[in-house]
PDB file of N, CA and C in Angstrom:
ATOM      1  N   MET A   1     -60.808-100.316   6.650  1.00  0.00           N
ATOM      2  CA  MET A   1     -61.628 -99.811   7.733  1.00  0.00           C
ATOM      3  C   MET A   1     -61.503 -98.275   7.759  1.00  0.00           C
ATOM      4  N   PRO A   2     -62.633 -97.564   7.781  1.00  0.00           N
ATOM      5  CA  PRO A   2     -62.579 -96.097   7.775  1.00  0.00           C
ATOM      6  C   PRO A   2     -62.090 -95.540   9.109  1.00  0.00           C
ATOM      7  N   PRO A   3     -61.475 -94.362   9.088  1.00  0.00           N
ATOM      8  CA  PRO A   3     -61.053 -93.729  10.335  1.00  0.00           C
ATOM      9  C   PRO A   3     -62.269 -93.440  11.209  1.00  0.00           C
ATOM     10  N   LYS A   4     -62.063 -93.431  12.507  1.00  0.00           N
ATOM     11  CA  LYS A   4     -63.151 -93.198  13.458  1.00  0.00           C
ATOM     12  C   LYS A   4     -63.086 -91.770  13.990  1.00  0.00           C
ATOM     13  N   ILE A   5     -64.259 -91.188  14.166  1.00  0.00           N
ATOM     14  CA  ILE A   5     -64.366 -89.857  14.755  1.00  0.00           C
ATOM     15  C   ILE A   5     -65.315 -89.948  15.933  1.00  0.00           C
ATOM     16  N   PHE A   6     -64.847 -89.535  17.104  1.00  0.00           N
ATOM     17  CA  PHE A   6     -65.709 -89.479  18.290  1.00  0.00           C
ATOM     18  C   PHE A   6     -66.450 -88.150  18.275  1.00  0.00           C
ATOM     19  N   ILE A   7     -67.772 -88.218  18.356  1.00  0.00           N
ATOM     20  CA  ILE A   7     -68.589 -87.011  18.385  1.00  0.00           C
ATOM     21  C   ILE A   7     -69.351 -86.975  19.696  1.00  0.00           C
ATOM     22  N   ASP A   8     -69.123 -85.925  20.433  1.00  0.00           N
ATOM     23  CA  ASP A   8     -69.797 -85.717  21.702  1.00  0.00           C
ATOM     24  C   ASP A   8     -71.198 -85.158  21.453  1.00  0.00           C
ATOM     25  N   THR A   9     -72.070 -85.312  22.423  1.00  0.00           N
ATOM     26  CA  THR A   9     -73.439 -84.806  22.317  1.00  0.00           C
ATOM     27  C   THR A   9     -73.471 -83.318  21.994  1.00  0.00           C
ATOM     28  N   SER A  10     -72.526 -82.571  22.495  1.00  0.00           N
ATOM     29  CA  SER A  10     -72.517 -81.126  22.251  1.00  0.00           C
ATOM     30  C   SER A  10     -72.374 -80.806  20.761  1.00  0.00           C
ATOM     31  N   ALA A  11     -71.743 -81.674  20.004  1.00  0.00           N
ATOM     32  CA  ALA A  11     -71.634 -81.454  18.559  1.00  0.00           C
ATOM     33  C   ALA A  11     -72.997 -81.565  17.893  1.00  0.00           C
ATOM     34  N   PHE A  12     -73.796 -82.533  18.315  1.00  0.00           N
ATOM     35  CA  PHE A  12     -75.140 -82.674  17.766  1.00  0.00           C
ATOM     36  C   PHE A  12     -76.010 -81.485  18.144  1.00  0.00           C
ATOM     37  N   LEU A  13     -75.861 -81.026  19.369  1.00  0.00           N
ATOM     38  CA  LEU A  13     -76.627 -79.856  19.804  1.00  0.00           C
ATOM     39  C   LEU A  13     -76.231 -78.620  19.007  1.00  0.00           C
ATOM     40  N   ALA A  14     -74.954 -78.456  18.770  1.00  0.00           N
ATOM     41  CA  ALA A  14     -74.481 -77.294  18.007  1.00  0.00           C
ATOM     42  C   ALA A  14     -75.031 -77.311  16.584  1.00  0.00           C
ATOM     43  N   LEU A  15     -75.204 -78.488  16.020  1.00  0.00           N
ATOM     44  CA  LEU A  15     -75.782 -78.580  14.676  1.00  0.00           C
ATOM     45  C   LEU A  15     -77.231 -78.104  14.638  1.00  0.00           C
ATOM     46  N   GLU A  16     -77.971 -78.394  15.676  1.00  0.00           N
ATOM     47  CA  GLU A  16     -79.405 -78.094  15.694  1.00  0.00           C
ATOM     48  C   GLU A  16     -79.754 -76.718  16.250  1.00  0.00           C
ATOM     49  N   ASP A  17     -78.948 -76.213  17.156  1.00  0.00           N
ATOM     50  CA  ASP A  17     -79.268 -74.957  17.852  1.00  0.00           C
ATOM     51  C   ASP A  17     -78.551 -73.779  17.194  1.00  0.00           C
ATOM     52  N   GLU A  18     -79.301 -72.974  16.467  1.00  0.00           N
ATOM     53  CA  GLU A  18     -78.701 -71.844  15.756  1.00  0.00           C
ATOM     54  C   GLU A  18     -78.094 -70.801  16.687  1.00  0.00           C
ATOM     55  N   SER A  19     -78.508 -70.799  17.940  1.00  0.00           N
ATOM     56  CA  SER A  19     -77.945 -69.834  18.891  1.00  0.00           C
ATOM     57  C   SER A  19     -76.680 -70.355  19.581  1.00  0.00           C
ATOM     58  N   ASP A  20     -76.324 -71.608  19.333  1.00  0.00           N
ATOM     59  CA  ASP A  20     -75.116 -72.183  19.918  1.00  0.00           C
ATOM     60  C   ASP A  20     -73.891 -71.464  19.368  1.00  0.00           C
ATOM     61  N   GLN A  21     -72.917 -71.194  20.239  1.00  0.00           N
ATOM     62  CA  GLN A  21     -71.723 -70.456  19.807  1.00  0.00           C
ATOM     63  C   GLN A  21     -70.905 -71.220  18.775  1.00  0.00           C
ATOM     64  N   TYR A  22     -71.096 -72.532  18.671  1.00  0.00           N
ATOM     65  CA  TYR A  22     -70.349 -73.343  17.725  1.00  0.00           C
ATOM     66  C   TYR A  22     -71.200 -73.824  16.545  1.00  0.00           C
ATOM     67  N   HIS A  23     -72.357 -73.241  16.359  1.00  0.00           N
ATOM     68  CA  HIS A  23     -73.268 -73.679  15.308  1.00  0.00           C
ATOM     69  C   HIS A  23     -72.623 -73.616  13.919  1.00  0.00           C
ATOM     70  N   GLU A  24     -72.029 -72.492  13.588  1.00  0.00           N
ATOM     71  CA  GLU A  24     -71.416 -72.352  12.256  1.00  0.00           C
ATOM     72  C   GLU A  24     -70.276 -73.338  12.049  1.00  0.00           C
ATOM     73  N   GLU A  25     -69.458 -73.540  13.063  1.00  0.00           N
ATOM     74  CA  GLU A  25     -68.353 -74.491  12.956  1.00  0.00           C
ATOM     75  C   GLU A  25     -68.879 -75.914  12.789  1.00  0.00           C
ATOM     76  N   ALA A  26     -69.958 -76.233  13.493  1.00  0.00           N
ATOM     77  CA  ALA A  26     -70.555 -77.565  13.378  1.00  0.00           C
ATOM     78  C   ALA A  26     -71.106 -77.789  11.973  1.00  0.00           C
ATOM     79  N   LEU A  27     -71.725 -76.764  11.404  1.00  0.00           N
ATOM     80  CA  LEU A  27     -72.238 -76.872  10.036  1.00  0.00           C
ATOM     81  C   LEU A  27     -71.100 -77.096   9.044  1.00  0.00           C
ATOM     82  N   GLN A  28     -70.014 -76.372   9.230  1.00  0.00           N
ATOM     83  CA  GLN A  28     -68.859 -76.544   8.347  1.00  0.00           C
ATOM     84  C   GLN A  28     -68.269 -77.941   8.465  1.00  0.00           C
ATOM     85  N   PHE A  29     -68.175 -78.437   9.687  1.00  0.00           N
ATOM     86  CA  PHE A  29     -67.659 -79.791   9.917  1.00  0.00           C
ATOM     87  C   PHE A  29     -68.555 -80.814   9.228  1.00  0.00           C
ATOM     88  N   ARG A  30     -69.857 -80.639   9.349  1.00  0.00           N
ATOM     89  CA  ARG A  30     -70.793 -81.566   8.709  1.00  0.00           C
ATOM     90  C   ARG A  30     -70.589 -81.571   7.196  1.00  0.00           C
ATOM     91  N   GLU A  31     -70.457 -80.398   6.617  1.00  0.00           N
ATOM     92  CA  GLU A  31     -70.306 -80.308   5.166  1.00  0.00           C
ATOM     93  C   GLU A  31     -68.957 -80.831   4.687  1.00  0.00           C
ATOM     94  N   GLN A  32     -67.905 -80.534   5.407  1.00  0.00           N
ATOM     95  CA  GLN A  32     -66.556 -80.884   4.962  1.00  0.00           C
ATOM     96  C   GLN A  32     -66.142 -82.312   5.302  1.00  0.00           C
ATOM     97  N   VAL A  33     -66.697 -82.859   6.381  1.00  0.00           N
ATOM     98  CA  VAL A  33     -66.241 -84.176   6.834  1.00  0.00           C
ATOM     99  C   VAL A  33     -67.355 -85.220   6.813  1.00  0.00           C
ATOM    100  N   LEU A  34     -68.451 -84.940   7.473  1.00  0.00           N
ATOM    101  CA  LEU A  34     -69.465 -85.971   7.664  1.00  0.00           C
ATOM    102  C   LEU A  34     -70.198 -86.353   6.382  1.00  0.00           C
ATOM    103  N   ARG A  35     -70.471 -85.414   5.526  1.00  0.00           N
ATOM    104  CA  ARG A  35     -71.223 -85.728   4.304  1.00  0.00           C
ATOM    105  C   ARG A  35     -70.428 -86.583   3.318  1.00  0.00           C
ATOM    106  N   LYS A  36     -69.130 -86.662   3.483  1.00  0.00           N
ATOM    107  CA  LYS A  36     -68.315 -87.491   2.601  1.00  0.00           C
ATOM    108  C   LYS A  36     -68.435 -88.974   2.955  1.00  0.00           C
ATOM    109  N   LYS A  37     -68.918 -89.262   4.147  1.00  0.00           N
ATOM    110  CA  LYS A  37     -69.169 -90.632   4.613  1.00  0.00           C
ATOM    111  C   LYS A  37     -67.938 -91.517   4.521  1.00  0.00           C
ATOM    112  N   ARG A  38     -66.794 -90.941   4.839  1.00  0.00           N
ATOM    113  CA  ARG A  38     -65.546 -91.708   4.811  1.00  0.00           C
ATOM    114  C   ARG A  38     -65.045 -92.027   6.216  1.00  0.00           C
ATOM    115  N   HIS A  39     -65.872 -91.720   7.208  1.00  0.00           N
ATOM    116  CA  HIS A  39     -65.488 -91.937   8.594  1.00  0.00           C
ATOM    117  C   HIS A  39     -66.565 -92.707   9.327  1.00  0.00           C
ATOM    118  N   GLU A  40     -66.146 -93.439  10.327  1.00  0.00           N
ATOM    119  CA  GLU A  40     -67.081 -94.100  11.212  1.00  0.00           C
ATOM    120  C   GLU A  40     -67.288 -93.192  12.426  1.00  0.00           C
ATOM    121  N   LEU A  41     -68.545 -92.874  12.735  1.00  0.00           N
ATOM    122  CA  LEU A  41     -68.827 -92.005  13.865  1.00  0.00           C
ATOM    123  C   LEU A  41     -69.054 -92.837  15.119  1.00  0.00           C
ATOM    124  N   ILE A  42     -68.501 -92.345  16.213  1.00  0.00           N
ATOM    125  CA  ILE A  42     -68.669 -92.994  17.503  1.00  0.00           C
ATOM    126  C   ILE A  42     -69.196 -91.950  18.473  1.00  0.00           C
ATOM    127  N   ALA A  43     -70.278 -92.278  19.176  1.00  0.00           N
ATOM    128  CA  ALA A  43     -70.861 -91.375  20.174  1.00  0.00           C
ATOM    129  C   ALA A  43     -71.207 -92.179  21.410  1.00  0.00           C
ATOM    130  N   THR A  44     -71.298 -91.490  22.524  1.00  0.00           N
ATOM    131  CA  THR A  44     -71.667 -92.193  23.760  1.00  0.00           C
ATOM    132  C   THR A  44     -73.095 -91.903  24.100  1.00  0.00           C
TER     133      THR A  44
END
């Protein structure tokens, strides 16, 4: 069973909104963690 990562709505917003203060960090997280598809994502 893959490890689980809880992702809050603000993470999705940061990915899409280039003016978000966490946009660059969200992009890095997507590239380094999410694209490997080794985790199960959980959101509310």
